[in-house]
N, C-alpha and C. Protein backbone atom coordinates (compact mmCIF):
# COMPACT_ATOMS: atom_id res chain seq x y z
N MET A 1 -5.38 9.80 -42.05
CA MET A 1 -4.14 9.86 -42.82
C MET A 1 -3.21 8.69 -42.50
N ASN A 2 -3.67 7.78 -41.64
CA ASN A 2 -2.83 6.67 -41.24
C ASN A 2 -2.52 5.71 -42.38
N ASP A 3 -3.37 5.71 -43.43
CA ASP A 3 -3.16 4.79 -44.54
C ASP A 3 -2.27 5.38 -45.64
N ILE A 4 -1.78 6.60 -45.45
CA ILE A 4 -0.90 7.23 -46.45
C ILE A 4 0.54 6.79 -46.17
N PRO A 5 1.25 6.29 -47.18
CA PRO A 5 2.63 5.82 -46.94
C PRO A 5 3.54 6.97 -46.52
N VAL A 6 4.54 6.66 -45.73
CA VAL A 6 5.49 7.65 -45.23
C VAL A 6 6.71 7.66 -46.15
N LEU A 7 7.10 8.85 -46.57
CA LEU A 7 8.28 8.97 -47.43
C LEU A 7 9.55 8.62 -46.65
N PRO A 8 10.54 8.03 -47.33
CA PRO A 8 11.82 7.79 -46.65
C PRO A 8 12.56 9.09 -46.42
N ILE A 9 13.44 9.11 -45.44
CA ILE A 9 14.29 10.26 -45.20
C ILE A 9 15.24 10.45 -46.38
N GLY A 10 15.47 11.67 -46.78
CA GLY A 10 16.36 11.95 -47.91
C GLY A 10 15.58 12.32 -49.15
N PHE A 11 16.28 12.39 -50.27
CA PHE A 11 15.66 12.79 -51.53
C PHE A 11 14.87 11.64 -52.14
N SER A 12 13.75 11.98 -52.79
CA SER A 12 12.98 11.03 -53.58
C SER A 12 12.80 11.64 -54.97
N ALA A 13 13.13 10.87 -55.99
CA ALA A 13 13.07 11.39 -57.36
C ALA A 13 11.62 11.54 -57.82
N VAL A 14 11.34 12.61 -58.55
CA VAL A 14 10.03 12.84 -59.15
C VAL A 14 10.19 12.66 -60.66
N PRO A 15 9.44 11.76 -61.27
CA PRO A 15 9.60 11.54 -62.71
C PRO A 15 9.30 12.79 -63.52
N ALA A 16 9.98 12.92 -64.64
CA ALA A 16 9.68 14.02 -65.57
C ALA A 16 8.22 13.92 -65.98
N GLY A 17 7.59 15.08 -66.15
CA GLY A 17 6.18 15.11 -66.51
C GLY A 17 5.25 15.09 -65.30
N LYS A 18 5.84 14.97 -64.11
CA LYS A 18 5.06 15.01 -62.87
C LYS A 18 5.40 16.27 -62.10
N VAL A 19 4.52 16.62 -61.16
CA VAL A 19 4.75 17.75 -60.27
C VAL A 19 4.61 17.25 -58.84
N ALA A 20 5.55 17.62 -57.99
CA ALA A 20 5.47 17.28 -56.57
C ALA A 20 5.22 18.56 -55.78
N THR A 21 4.36 18.48 -54.80
CA THR A 21 4.06 19.64 -53.99
C THR A 21 3.94 19.24 -52.52
N VAL A 22 4.37 20.14 -51.65
CA VAL A 22 4.25 19.92 -50.22
C VAL A 22 2.92 20.55 -49.77
N VAL A 23 2.09 19.72 -49.17
CA VAL A 23 0.75 20.13 -48.73
C VAL A 23 0.76 20.33 -47.22
N THR A 24 0.22 21.45 -46.77
CA THR A 24 0.08 21.71 -45.34
C THR A 24 -1.40 21.71 -44.99
N CYS A 25 -1.78 20.90 -44.02
CA CYS A 25 -3.17 20.85 -43.53
C CYS A 25 -3.26 21.70 -42.27
N LEU A 26 -4.29 22.53 -42.20
CA LEU A 26 -4.47 23.44 -41.07
C LEU A 26 -5.90 23.32 -40.54
N GLU A 27 -6.09 23.67 -39.27
CA GLU A 27 -7.40 23.58 -38.67
C GLU A 27 -7.57 24.63 -37.59
N MET A 28 -8.83 24.90 -37.24
CA MET A 28 -9.16 25.69 -36.06
C MET A 28 -10.31 24.98 -35.36
N HIS A 29 -10.34 25.08 -34.02
CA HIS A 29 -11.35 24.38 -33.23
C HIS A 29 -12.30 25.32 -32.51
N ALA A 30 -12.15 26.60 -32.74
CA ALA A 30 -13.06 27.59 -32.18
C ALA A 30 -13.04 28.82 -33.07
N ARG A 31 -14.13 29.53 -33.08
CA ARG A 31 -14.19 30.72 -33.93
C ARG A 31 -13.31 31.81 -33.35
N PRO A 32 -12.41 32.37 -34.14
CA PRO A 32 -11.60 33.49 -33.65
C PRO A 32 -12.45 34.74 -33.48
N ALA A 33 -11.90 35.69 -32.76
CA ALA A 33 -12.63 36.95 -32.55
C ALA A 33 -12.94 37.60 -33.90
N PRO A 34 -14.17 38.06 -34.09
CA PRO A 34 -14.53 38.69 -35.36
C PRO A 34 -13.70 39.95 -35.61
N ARG A 35 -13.44 40.20 -36.89
CA ARG A 35 -12.74 41.42 -37.28
C ARG A 35 -13.74 42.34 -37.98
N ASP A 36 -13.65 43.60 -37.67
CA ASP A 36 -14.55 44.58 -38.27
C ASP A 36 -13.91 45.10 -39.56
N LEU A 37 -14.39 44.59 -40.68
CA LEU A 37 -13.83 44.95 -41.97
C LEU A 37 -14.87 45.68 -42.80
N ARG A 38 -14.43 46.70 -43.51
CA ARG A 38 -15.34 47.43 -44.39
C ARG A 38 -15.47 46.69 -45.71
N ALA A 39 -16.72 46.45 -46.08
CA ALA A 39 -16.97 45.70 -47.31
C ALA A 39 -16.69 46.54 -48.55
N GLY A 40 -16.92 47.84 -48.47
CA GLY A 40 -16.75 48.68 -49.66
C GLY A 40 -17.68 48.19 -50.76
N SER A 41 -17.11 47.92 -51.92
CA SER A 41 -17.92 47.46 -53.06
C SER A 41 -18.05 45.94 -53.10
N LEU A 42 -17.54 45.26 -52.07
CA LEU A 42 -17.57 43.80 -52.05
C LEU A 42 -18.87 43.28 -51.45
N ARG A 43 -19.36 42.19 -52.02
CA ARG A 43 -20.48 41.47 -51.42
C ARG A 43 -20.35 39.99 -51.77
N LEU A 44 -20.92 39.17 -50.92
CA LEU A 44 -20.87 37.72 -51.11
C LEU A 44 -22.27 37.21 -51.38
N GLU A 45 -22.42 36.41 -52.44
CA GLU A 45 -23.73 35.88 -52.79
C GLU A 45 -23.67 34.36 -52.88
N ARG A 46 -24.69 33.70 -52.32
CA ARG A 46 -24.81 32.26 -52.50
C ARG A 46 -24.96 31.98 -53.99
N TRP A 47 -24.29 30.94 -54.45
CA TRP A 47 -24.22 30.69 -55.89
C TRP A 47 -24.64 29.26 -56.18
N LYS A 48 -25.52 29.09 -57.14
CA LYS A 48 -25.92 27.77 -57.61
C LYS A 48 -25.53 27.67 -59.09
N PRO A 49 -24.25 27.46 -59.36
CA PRO A 49 -23.78 27.55 -60.75
C PRO A 49 -24.04 26.29 -61.56
N SER A 50 -24.05 26.47 -62.86
CA SER A 50 -23.95 25.33 -63.76
C SER A 50 -22.52 24.82 -63.72
N ILE A 51 -22.30 23.62 -64.22
CA ILE A 51 -20.94 23.08 -64.28
C ILE A 51 -20.05 24.02 -65.09
N GLU A 52 -20.56 24.51 -66.20
CA GLU A 52 -19.75 25.35 -67.08
C GLU A 52 -19.37 26.67 -66.40
N ALA A 53 -20.34 27.31 -65.72
CA ALA A 53 -20.06 28.57 -65.04
C ALA A 53 -19.09 28.36 -63.89
N TYR A 54 -19.28 27.27 -63.16
CA TYR A 54 -18.38 26.98 -62.04
C TYR A 54 -16.95 26.77 -62.54
N ARG A 55 -16.79 25.94 -63.56
CA ARG A 55 -15.44 25.66 -64.05
C ARG A 55 -14.79 26.90 -64.65
N ALA A 56 -15.58 27.77 -65.25
CA ALA A 56 -15.01 28.99 -65.83
C ALA A 56 -14.39 29.86 -64.74
N LEU A 57 -15.11 30.07 -63.63
CA LEU A 57 -14.56 30.88 -62.54
C LEU A 57 -13.42 30.13 -61.84
N PHE A 58 -13.59 28.84 -61.65
CA PHE A 58 -12.55 28.01 -61.04
C PHE A 58 -11.24 28.13 -61.83
N ARG A 59 -11.34 28.06 -63.15
CA ARG A 59 -10.15 28.17 -64.00
C ARG A 59 -9.56 29.57 -63.94
N ARG A 60 -10.43 30.59 -63.97
CA ARG A 60 -9.95 31.97 -63.91
C ARG A 60 -9.15 32.23 -62.66
N ILE A 61 -9.63 31.71 -61.55
CA ILE A 61 -8.95 31.92 -60.28
C ILE A 61 -7.74 31.00 -60.14
N GLY A 62 -7.91 29.74 -60.49
CA GLY A 62 -6.94 28.75 -60.07
C GLY A 62 -5.90 28.28 -61.06
N ALA A 63 -6.02 28.61 -62.34
CA ALA A 63 -5.05 28.09 -63.31
C ALA A 63 -3.62 28.49 -62.95
N GLU A 64 -3.45 29.70 -62.45
CA GLU A 64 -2.11 30.18 -62.10
C GLU A 64 -1.52 29.39 -60.94
N TRP A 65 -2.40 28.78 -60.12
CA TRP A 65 -1.95 28.03 -58.93
C TRP A 65 -2.16 26.54 -59.10
N MET A 66 -2.40 26.14 -60.36
CA MET A 66 -2.54 24.73 -60.74
C MET A 66 -3.71 24.04 -60.04
N TRP A 67 -4.81 24.78 -59.88
CA TRP A 67 -6.06 24.16 -59.46
C TRP A 67 -6.59 23.36 -60.66
N VAL A 68 -6.66 22.08 -60.54
CA VAL A 68 -7.13 21.28 -61.68
C VAL A 68 -8.16 20.24 -61.28
N SER A 69 -8.35 19.98 -60.00
CA SER A 69 -9.18 18.86 -59.58
C SER A 69 -10.58 18.92 -60.17
N ARG A 70 -11.19 20.09 -60.16
CA ARG A 70 -12.56 20.22 -60.64
C ARG A 70 -12.63 20.34 -62.17
N LEU A 71 -11.48 20.56 -62.80
CA LEU A 71 -11.45 20.62 -64.26
C LEU A 71 -11.42 19.24 -64.88
N VAL A 72 -10.82 18.28 -64.17
CA VAL A 72 -10.71 16.91 -64.70
C VAL A 72 -11.73 15.97 -64.07
N MET A 73 -12.45 16.41 -63.07
CA MET A 73 -13.46 15.58 -62.42
C MET A 73 -14.59 15.28 -63.39
N PRO A 74 -15.07 14.04 -63.44
CA PRO A 74 -16.22 13.73 -64.31
C PRO A 74 -17.41 14.65 -64.02
N ASP A 75 -18.12 15.01 -65.06
CA ASP A 75 -19.24 15.94 -64.92
C ASP A 75 -20.25 15.49 -63.87
N ALA A 76 -20.58 14.21 -63.88
CA ALA A 76 -21.60 13.72 -62.95
C ALA A 76 -21.14 13.87 -61.50
N GLU A 77 -19.87 13.63 -61.26
CA GLU A 77 -19.34 13.76 -59.91
C GLU A 77 -19.35 15.22 -59.46
N LEU A 78 -18.94 16.11 -60.35
CA LEU A 78 -18.95 17.53 -60.01
C LEU A 78 -20.37 18.03 -59.82
N GLU A 79 -21.27 17.62 -60.68
CA GLU A 79 -22.66 18.05 -60.56
C GLU A 79 -23.26 17.61 -59.22
N ALA A 80 -22.89 16.41 -58.76
CA ALA A 80 -23.39 15.92 -57.47
C ALA A 80 -22.89 16.80 -56.33
N ILE A 81 -21.65 17.26 -56.41
CA ILE A 81 -21.11 18.15 -55.38
C ILE A 81 -21.82 19.50 -55.41
N LEU A 82 -21.96 20.05 -56.60
CA LEU A 82 -22.59 21.37 -56.73
C LEU A 82 -24.03 21.37 -56.25
N ASN A 83 -24.69 20.22 -56.35
CA ASN A 83 -26.10 20.13 -55.97
C ASN A 83 -26.31 19.57 -54.57
N ASP A 84 -25.22 19.26 -53.87
CA ASP A 84 -25.32 18.68 -52.53
C ASP A 84 -25.68 19.79 -51.53
N GLY A 85 -26.72 19.58 -50.75
CA GLY A 85 -27.16 20.58 -49.80
C GLY A 85 -26.16 20.85 -48.69
N LYS A 86 -25.17 19.97 -48.51
CA LYS A 86 -24.16 20.16 -47.48
C LYS A 86 -22.89 20.83 -48.01
N VAL A 87 -22.94 21.25 -49.27
CA VAL A 87 -21.84 22.02 -49.88
C VAL A 87 -22.39 23.40 -50.22
N GLU A 88 -21.78 24.42 -49.64
CA GLU A 88 -22.25 25.79 -49.85
C GLU A 88 -21.23 26.54 -50.70
N ILE A 89 -21.68 27.07 -51.81
CA ILE A 89 -20.81 27.76 -52.76
C ILE A 89 -21.24 29.23 -52.84
N PHE A 90 -20.26 30.10 -52.79
CA PHE A 90 -20.52 31.54 -52.82
C PHE A 90 -19.61 32.19 -53.86
N MET A 91 -20.13 33.24 -54.47
CA MET A 91 -19.33 34.06 -55.37
C MET A 91 -19.08 35.41 -54.70
N LEU A 92 -17.82 35.83 -54.70
CA LEU A 92 -17.48 37.17 -54.25
C LEU A 92 -17.64 38.11 -55.43
N ILE A 93 -18.36 39.20 -55.21
CA ILE A 93 -18.61 40.17 -56.27
C ILE A 93 -18.06 41.52 -55.84
N ASP A 94 -17.36 42.16 -56.72
CA ASP A 94 -16.82 43.50 -56.49
C ASP A 94 -17.50 44.42 -57.49
N GLY A 95 -18.44 45.21 -57.01
CA GLY A 95 -19.24 46.02 -57.93
C GLY A 95 -20.15 45.11 -58.73
N GLU A 96 -19.85 44.95 -59.99
CA GLU A 96 -20.65 44.07 -60.85
C GLU A 96 -19.83 42.92 -61.41
N ARG A 97 -18.59 42.76 -60.95
CA ARG A 97 -17.74 41.72 -61.54
C ARG A 97 -17.48 40.58 -60.57
N GLN A 98 -17.26 39.39 -61.12
CA GLN A 98 -16.86 38.25 -60.33
C GLN A 98 -15.45 38.48 -59.80
N ALA A 99 -15.29 38.31 -58.49
CA ALA A 99 -13.97 38.57 -57.89
C ALA A 99 -13.41 37.39 -57.11
N GLY A 100 -14.24 36.41 -56.75
CA GLY A 100 -13.70 35.31 -55.97
C GLY A 100 -14.69 34.18 -55.80
N LEU A 101 -14.18 33.09 -55.24
CA LEU A 101 -14.95 31.87 -55.03
C LEU A 101 -14.72 31.38 -53.61
N LEU A 102 -15.80 30.99 -52.94
CA LEU A 102 -15.73 30.39 -51.62
C LEU A 102 -16.59 29.14 -51.65
N GLU A 103 -16.01 28.02 -51.20
CA GLU A 103 -16.76 26.77 -51.15
C GLU A 103 -16.54 26.13 -49.78
N LEU A 104 -17.64 25.90 -49.07
CA LEU A 104 -17.61 25.29 -47.74
C LEU A 104 -18.26 23.92 -47.82
N ASP A 105 -17.56 22.92 -47.33
CA ASP A 105 -18.03 21.53 -47.41
C ASP A 105 -18.33 21.01 -46.01
N PHE A 106 -19.62 20.77 -45.75
CA PHE A 106 -20.08 20.28 -44.45
C PHE A 106 -20.45 18.80 -44.49
N ARG A 107 -19.98 18.06 -45.49
CA ARG A 107 -20.43 16.68 -45.65
C ARG A 107 -19.90 15.74 -44.57
N GLN A 108 -18.77 16.09 -43.95
CA GLN A 108 -18.26 15.30 -42.84
C GLN A 108 -18.84 15.85 -41.54
N GLU A 109 -19.59 15.03 -40.81
CA GLU A 109 -20.27 15.50 -39.61
C GLU A 109 -19.30 16.12 -38.61
N GLY A 110 -19.64 17.31 -38.14
CA GLY A 110 -18.81 18.00 -37.15
C GLY A 110 -17.68 18.81 -37.74
N ASP A 111 -17.46 18.68 -39.04
CA ASP A 111 -16.37 19.39 -39.71
C ASP A 111 -16.91 20.33 -40.77
N CYS A 112 -16.16 21.36 -41.04
CA CYS A 112 -16.36 22.15 -42.26
C CYS A 112 -15.01 22.27 -42.93
N GLU A 113 -14.94 21.89 -44.18
CA GLU A 113 -13.71 22.06 -44.95
C GLU A 113 -13.82 23.33 -45.79
N LEU A 114 -12.80 24.17 -45.70
CA LEU A 114 -12.69 25.30 -46.61
C LEU A 114 -12.16 24.71 -47.92
N ALA A 115 -13.08 24.21 -48.74
CA ALA A 115 -12.71 23.41 -49.89
C ALA A 115 -12.00 24.24 -50.96
N PHE A 116 -12.56 25.40 -51.27
CA PHE A 116 -11.92 26.31 -52.23
C PHE A 116 -12.12 27.74 -51.78
N PHE A 117 -11.06 28.50 -51.91
CA PHE A 117 -11.03 29.89 -51.47
C PHE A 117 -10.05 30.60 -52.39
N GLY A 118 -10.53 31.51 -53.21
CA GLY A 118 -9.61 32.17 -54.13
C GLY A 118 -10.19 33.42 -54.74
N LEU A 119 -9.28 34.22 -55.25
CA LEU A 119 -9.62 35.50 -55.87
C LEU A 119 -9.10 35.55 -57.29
N VAL A 120 -9.78 36.33 -58.14
CA VAL A 120 -9.23 36.61 -59.46
C VAL A 120 -7.96 37.44 -59.28
N ALA A 121 -7.10 37.41 -60.28
CA ALA A 121 -5.75 37.97 -60.13
C ALA A 121 -5.76 39.43 -59.68
N ASP A 122 -6.61 40.26 -60.28
CA ASP A 122 -6.53 41.69 -59.97
C ASP A 122 -7.24 42.07 -58.67
N ALA A 123 -7.81 41.08 -57.97
CA ALA A 123 -8.40 41.35 -56.65
C ALA A 123 -7.43 41.02 -55.51
N ILE A 124 -6.34 40.35 -55.83
CA ILE A 124 -5.37 39.96 -54.81
C ILE A 124 -4.62 41.19 -54.31
N GLY A 125 -4.46 41.27 -53.00
CA GLY A 125 -3.72 42.39 -52.41
C GLY A 125 -4.54 43.64 -52.22
N GLN A 126 -5.87 43.55 -52.38
CA GLN A 126 -6.73 44.73 -52.26
C GLN A 126 -7.63 44.67 -51.02
N GLY A 127 -7.43 43.66 -50.17
CA GLY A 127 -8.27 43.51 -48.99
C GLY A 127 -9.44 42.57 -49.19
N ALA A 128 -9.65 42.10 -50.42
CA ALA A 128 -10.77 41.21 -50.70
C ALA A 128 -10.60 39.87 -50.00
N GLY A 129 -9.36 39.41 -49.89
CA GLY A 129 -9.11 38.13 -49.22
C GLY A 129 -9.49 38.16 -47.76
N ARG A 130 -9.18 39.26 -47.08
CA ARG A 130 -9.54 39.39 -45.66
C ARG A 130 -11.05 39.41 -45.50
N PHE A 131 -11.73 40.14 -46.39
CA PHE A 131 -13.20 40.18 -46.34
C PHE A 131 -13.77 38.79 -46.58
N LEU A 132 -13.26 38.09 -47.59
CA LEU A 132 -13.79 36.77 -47.93
C LEU A 132 -13.53 35.78 -46.80
N MET A 133 -12.36 35.85 -46.17
CA MET A 133 -12.06 34.93 -45.07
C MET A 133 -12.97 35.19 -43.88
N GLU A 134 -13.24 36.44 -43.57
CA GLU A 134 -14.12 36.75 -42.45
C GLU A 134 -15.52 36.18 -42.72
N GLN A 135 -15.96 36.27 -43.96
CA GLN A 135 -17.25 35.68 -44.33
C GLN A 135 -17.21 34.17 -44.19
N ALA A 136 -16.10 33.56 -44.62
CA ALA A 136 -15.97 32.11 -44.54
C ALA A 136 -16.02 31.63 -43.10
N ILE A 137 -15.27 32.30 -42.23
CA ILE A 137 -15.24 31.91 -40.82
C ILE A 137 -16.61 32.05 -40.18
N THR A 138 -17.27 33.16 -40.47
CA THR A 138 -18.60 33.39 -39.90
C THR A 138 -19.58 32.31 -40.35
N LYS A 139 -19.59 32.00 -41.64
CA LYS A 139 -20.53 31.02 -42.16
C LYS A 139 -20.21 29.62 -41.66
N ALA A 140 -18.93 29.29 -41.56
CA ALA A 140 -18.56 27.95 -41.09
C ALA A 140 -19.00 27.74 -39.65
N TRP A 141 -18.72 28.72 -38.79
CA TRP A 141 -19.00 28.56 -37.37
C TRP A 141 -20.45 28.85 -37.00
N THR A 142 -21.26 29.28 -37.97
CA THR A 142 -22.70 29.36 -37.73
C THR A 142 -23.30 27.97 -37.63
N ALA A 143 -22.66 27.00 -38.30
CA ALA A 143 -23.11 25.62 -38.24
C ALA A 143 -22.57 24.95 -36.97
N PRO A 144 -23.19 23.85 -36.55
CA PRO A 144 -22.71 23.14 -35.35
C PRO A 144 -21.50 22.26 -35.67
N ILE A 145 -20.35 22.88 -35.80
CA ILE A 145 -19.14 22.13 -36.13
C ILE A 145 -18.17 22.17 -34.96
N ARG A 146 -17.23 21.24 -34.99
CA ARG A 146 -16.15 21.20 -34.00
C ARG A 146 -14.82 21.61 -34.60
N ARG A 147 -14.76 21.58 -35.94
CA ARG A 147 -13.48 21.87 -36.59
C ARG A 147 -13.72 22.50 -37.95
N PHE A 148 -12.92 23.51 -38.25
CA PHE A 148 -12.89 24.16 -39.56
C PHE A 148 -11.48 23.94 -40.09
N TRP A 149 -11.36 23.37 -41.28
CA TRP A 149 -10.02 23.02 -41.75
C TRP A 149 -9.83 23.34 -43.22
N VAL A 150 -8.56 23.37 -43.62
CA VAL A 150 -8.19 23.72 -44.99
C VAL A 150 -6.84 23.09 -45.28
N HIS A 151 -6.54 22.91 -46.53
CA HIS A 151 -5.16 22.55 -46.88
C HIS A 151 -4.69 23.44 -48.02
N THR A 152 -3.40 23.70 -48.01
CA THR A 152 -2.78 24.51 -49.05
C THR A 152 -1.47 23.85 -49.43
N CYS A 153 -0.85 24.33 -50.48
CA CYS A 153 0.41 23.72 -50.91
C CYS A 153 1.30 24.79 -51.53
N HIS A 154 2.54 24.41 -51.82
CA HIS A 154 3.47 25.42 -52.29
C HIS A 154 3.25 25.80 -53.76
N LEU A 155 2.29 25.16 -54.43
CA LEU A 155 1.90 25.60 -55.77
C LEU A 155 0.99 26.81 -55.68
N ASP A 156 0.42 27.04 -54.52
CA ASP A 156 -0.54 28.13 -54.30
C ASP A 156 0.20 29.47 -54.20
N HIS A 157 -0.57 30.54 -54.05
CA HIS A 157 0.02 31.87 -53.86
C HIS A 157 1.03 31.81 -52.71
N PRO A 158 2.19 32.44 -52.86
CA PRO A 158 3.22 32.33 -51.82
C PRO A 158 2.79 32.87 -50.46
N ALA A 159 1.76 33.72 -50.42
CA ALA A 159 1.30 34.25 -49.14
C ALA A 159 0.16 33.43 -48.54
N ALA A 160 -0.26 32.35 -49.21
CA ALA A 160 -1.45 31.62 -48.76
C ALA A 160 -1.28 31.03 -47.37
N LEU A 161 -0.17 30.36 -47.14
CA LEU A 161 0.02 29.69 -45.85
C LEU A 161 0.03 30.70 -44.69
N SER A 162 0.77 31.78 -44.85
CA SER A 162 0.82 32.77 -43.77
C SER A 162 -0.54 33.44 -43.59
N PHE A 163 -1.28 33.62 -44.67
CA PHE A 163 -2.62 34.20 -44.59
C PHE A 163 -3.55 33.31 -43.76
N TYR A 164 -3.52 32.01 -44.03
CA TYR A 164 -4.36 31.09 -43.27
C TYR A 164 -3.97 31.10 -41.79
N ARG A 165 -2.69 31.16 -41.51
CA ARG A 165 -2.26 31.17 -40.11
C ARG A 165 -2.69 32.46 -39.42
N ARG A 166 -2.58 33.58 -40.10
CA ARG A 166 -3.04 34.84 -39.51
C ARG A 166 -4.54 34.83 -39.28
N SER A 167 -5.26 34.05 -40.06
CA SER A 167 -6.71 33.98 -39.95
C SER A 167 -7.16 33.08 -38.81
N GLY A 168 -6.23 32.36 -38.19
CA GLY A 168 -6.58 31.54 -37.03
C GLY A 168 -6.41 30.05 -37.23
N PHE A 169 -6.01 29.62 -38.42
CA PHE A 169 -5.76 28.20 -38.66
C PHE A 169 -4.37 27.81 -38.14
N VAL A 170 -4.27 26.58 -37.64
CA VAL A 170 -3.01 26.05 -37.09
C VAL A 170 -2.61 24.80 -37.87
N PRO A 171 -1.37 24.71 -38.37
CA PRO A 171 -0.95 23.52 -39.10
C PRO A 171 -0.97 22.27 -38.21
N TYR A 172 -1.40 21.15 -38.80
CA TYR A 172 -1.39 19.90 -38.03
C TYR A 172 -0.83 18.71 -38.81
N ALA A 173 -0.58 18.85 -40.10
CA ALA A 173 -0.03 17.72 -40.87
C ALA A 173 0.64 18.25 -42.13
N THR A 174 1.64 17.51 -42.60
CA THR A 174 2.32 17.82 -43.85
C THR A 174 2.32 16.57 -44.72
N LEU A 175 1.96 16.76 -45.98
CA LEU A 175 1.91 15.67 -46.94
C LEU A 175 2.68 16.07 -48.19
N VAL A 176 3.07 15.09 -48.99
CA VAL A 176 3.66 15.36 -50.30
C VAL A 176 2.75 14.72 -51.35
N GLU A 177 2.36 15.49 -52.33
CA GLU A 177 1.50 14.99 -53.41
C GLU A 177 2.27 15.03 -54.72
N VAL A 178 2.19 13.95 -55.47
CA VAL A 178 2.78 13.89 -56.81
C VAL A 178 1.65 13.67 -57.80
N MET A 179 1.64 14.48 -58.85
CA MET A 179 0.56 14.37 -59.84
C MET A 179 1.11 14.64 -61.22
N ASP A 180 0.33 14.24 -62.23
CA ASP A 180 0.69 14.57 -63.61
C ASP A 180 0.69 16.08 -63.78
N ASP A 181 1.66 16.61 -64.50
CA ASP A 181 1.68 18.04 -64.76
C ASP A 181 0.55 18.38 -65.72
N PRO A 182 -0.46 19.13 -65.28
CA PRO A 182 -1.64 19.37 -66.12
C PRO A 182 -1.35 20.25 -67.33
N ARG A 183 -0.19 20.91 -67.35
CA ARG A 183 0.17 21.72 -68.51
C ARG A 183 0.56 20.87 -69.70
N LEU A 184 0.98 19.64 -69.45
CA LEU A 184 1.40 18.76 -70.54
C LEU A 184 0.20 18.12 -71.25
N SER A 185 -0.90 17.97 -70.53
CA SER A 185 -2.09 17.37 -71.12
C SER A 185 -3.05 18.42 -71.68
N GLY A 186 -2.76 19.71 -71.43
CA GLY A 186 -3.62 20.77 -71.93
C GLY A 186 -4.78 21.12 -71.02
N VAL A 187 -4.81 20.54 -69.82
CA VAL A 187 -5.87 20.89 -68.86
C VAL A 187 -5.79 22.38 -68.53
N ILE A 188 -4.59 22.87 -68.33
CA ILE A 188 -4.35 24.31 -68.22
C ILE A 188 -3.26 24.67 -69.23
N ALA A 189 -3.11 25.95 -69.52
CA ALA A 189 -2.16 26.39 -70.55
C ALA A 189 -0.73 26.03 -70.17
N ARG A 190 0.07 25.76 -71.15
CA ARG A 190 1.47 25.38 -70.92
C ARG A 190 2.23 26.49 -70.20
N GLU A 191 1.84 27.74 -70.43
CA GLU A 191 2.54 28.86 -69.81
C GLU A 191 2.00 29.22 -68.43
N ALA A 192 1.00 28.50 -67.95
CA ALA A 192 0.46 28.76 -66.64
C ALA A 192 1.44 28.38 -65.54
N ALA A 193 1.27 28.98 -64.38
CA ALA A 193 2.07 28.66 -63.19
C ALA A 193 3.57 28.68 -63.48
N PRO A 194 4.11 29.81 -63.95
CA PRO A 194 5.54 29.85 -64.28
C PRO A 194 6.45 29.66 -63.08
N HIS A 195 5.89 29.77 -61.85
CA HIS A 195 6.69 29.56 -60.65
C HIS A 195 6.98 28.07 -60.41
N VAL A 196 6.32 27.20 -61.21
CA VAL A 196 6.55 25.75 -61.09
C VAL A 196 7.27 25.27 -62.34
N PRO A 197 8.50 24.79 -62.24
CA PRO A 197 9.24 24.33 -63.42
C PRO A 197 8.49 23.22 -64.14
N LEU A 198 8.45 23.32 -65.46
CA LEU A 198 7.84 22.29 -66.29
C LEU A 198 8.95 21.44 -66.88
N ILE A 199 8.93 20.14 -66.60
CA ILE A 199 9.97 19.24 -67.08
C ILE A 199 9.30 18.21 -67.97
N ASP A 200 9.57 18.28 -69.27
CA ASP A 200 8.96 17.35 -70.23
C ASP A 200 9.47 15.95 -69.99
N PRO A 201 8.59 14.97 -70.17
CA PRO A 201 9.02 13.57 -70.04
C PRO A 201 9.89 13.15 -71.22
């Protein structure tokens, strides 16, 4: 992160049509004590999706939180990630329905990135997140890694940061990201993410 410019102290203007978000990077360096959680109707399955199936679930889970990176990524680049043996993708299933997405990225030696972790709207607050996180931690630390890390931002669910901290992650860096508002280009619906003000250019 040494090559990222440092913001000046004080206010910095964000142009209309852009969105600014504060990003928190978190990490853990040892596996926390396992938690005994009842799976109930939940199960996790390794997933080898097509680009279309992946983006459909990604959009279902993430549009409300302005997940757009994989929606605008060129198909060839996304396909390379989905087919990379060092990227493990799982679908959370509740009964017979898709309930969540877990993506673990082992491409950096010694590290595992919790690249994507999310639930469909009606699974939030039902214990599915705790189950999915326990699965993520177990699978990450089964590999020979030294660090498990994740980043979140204030566009995400308001409980995301505290959830990650309760799960054993510790903050180590703060960044500010400015991006085009994806609601203006139609990448996600204009009415998505109402917790983020939309300012037309």
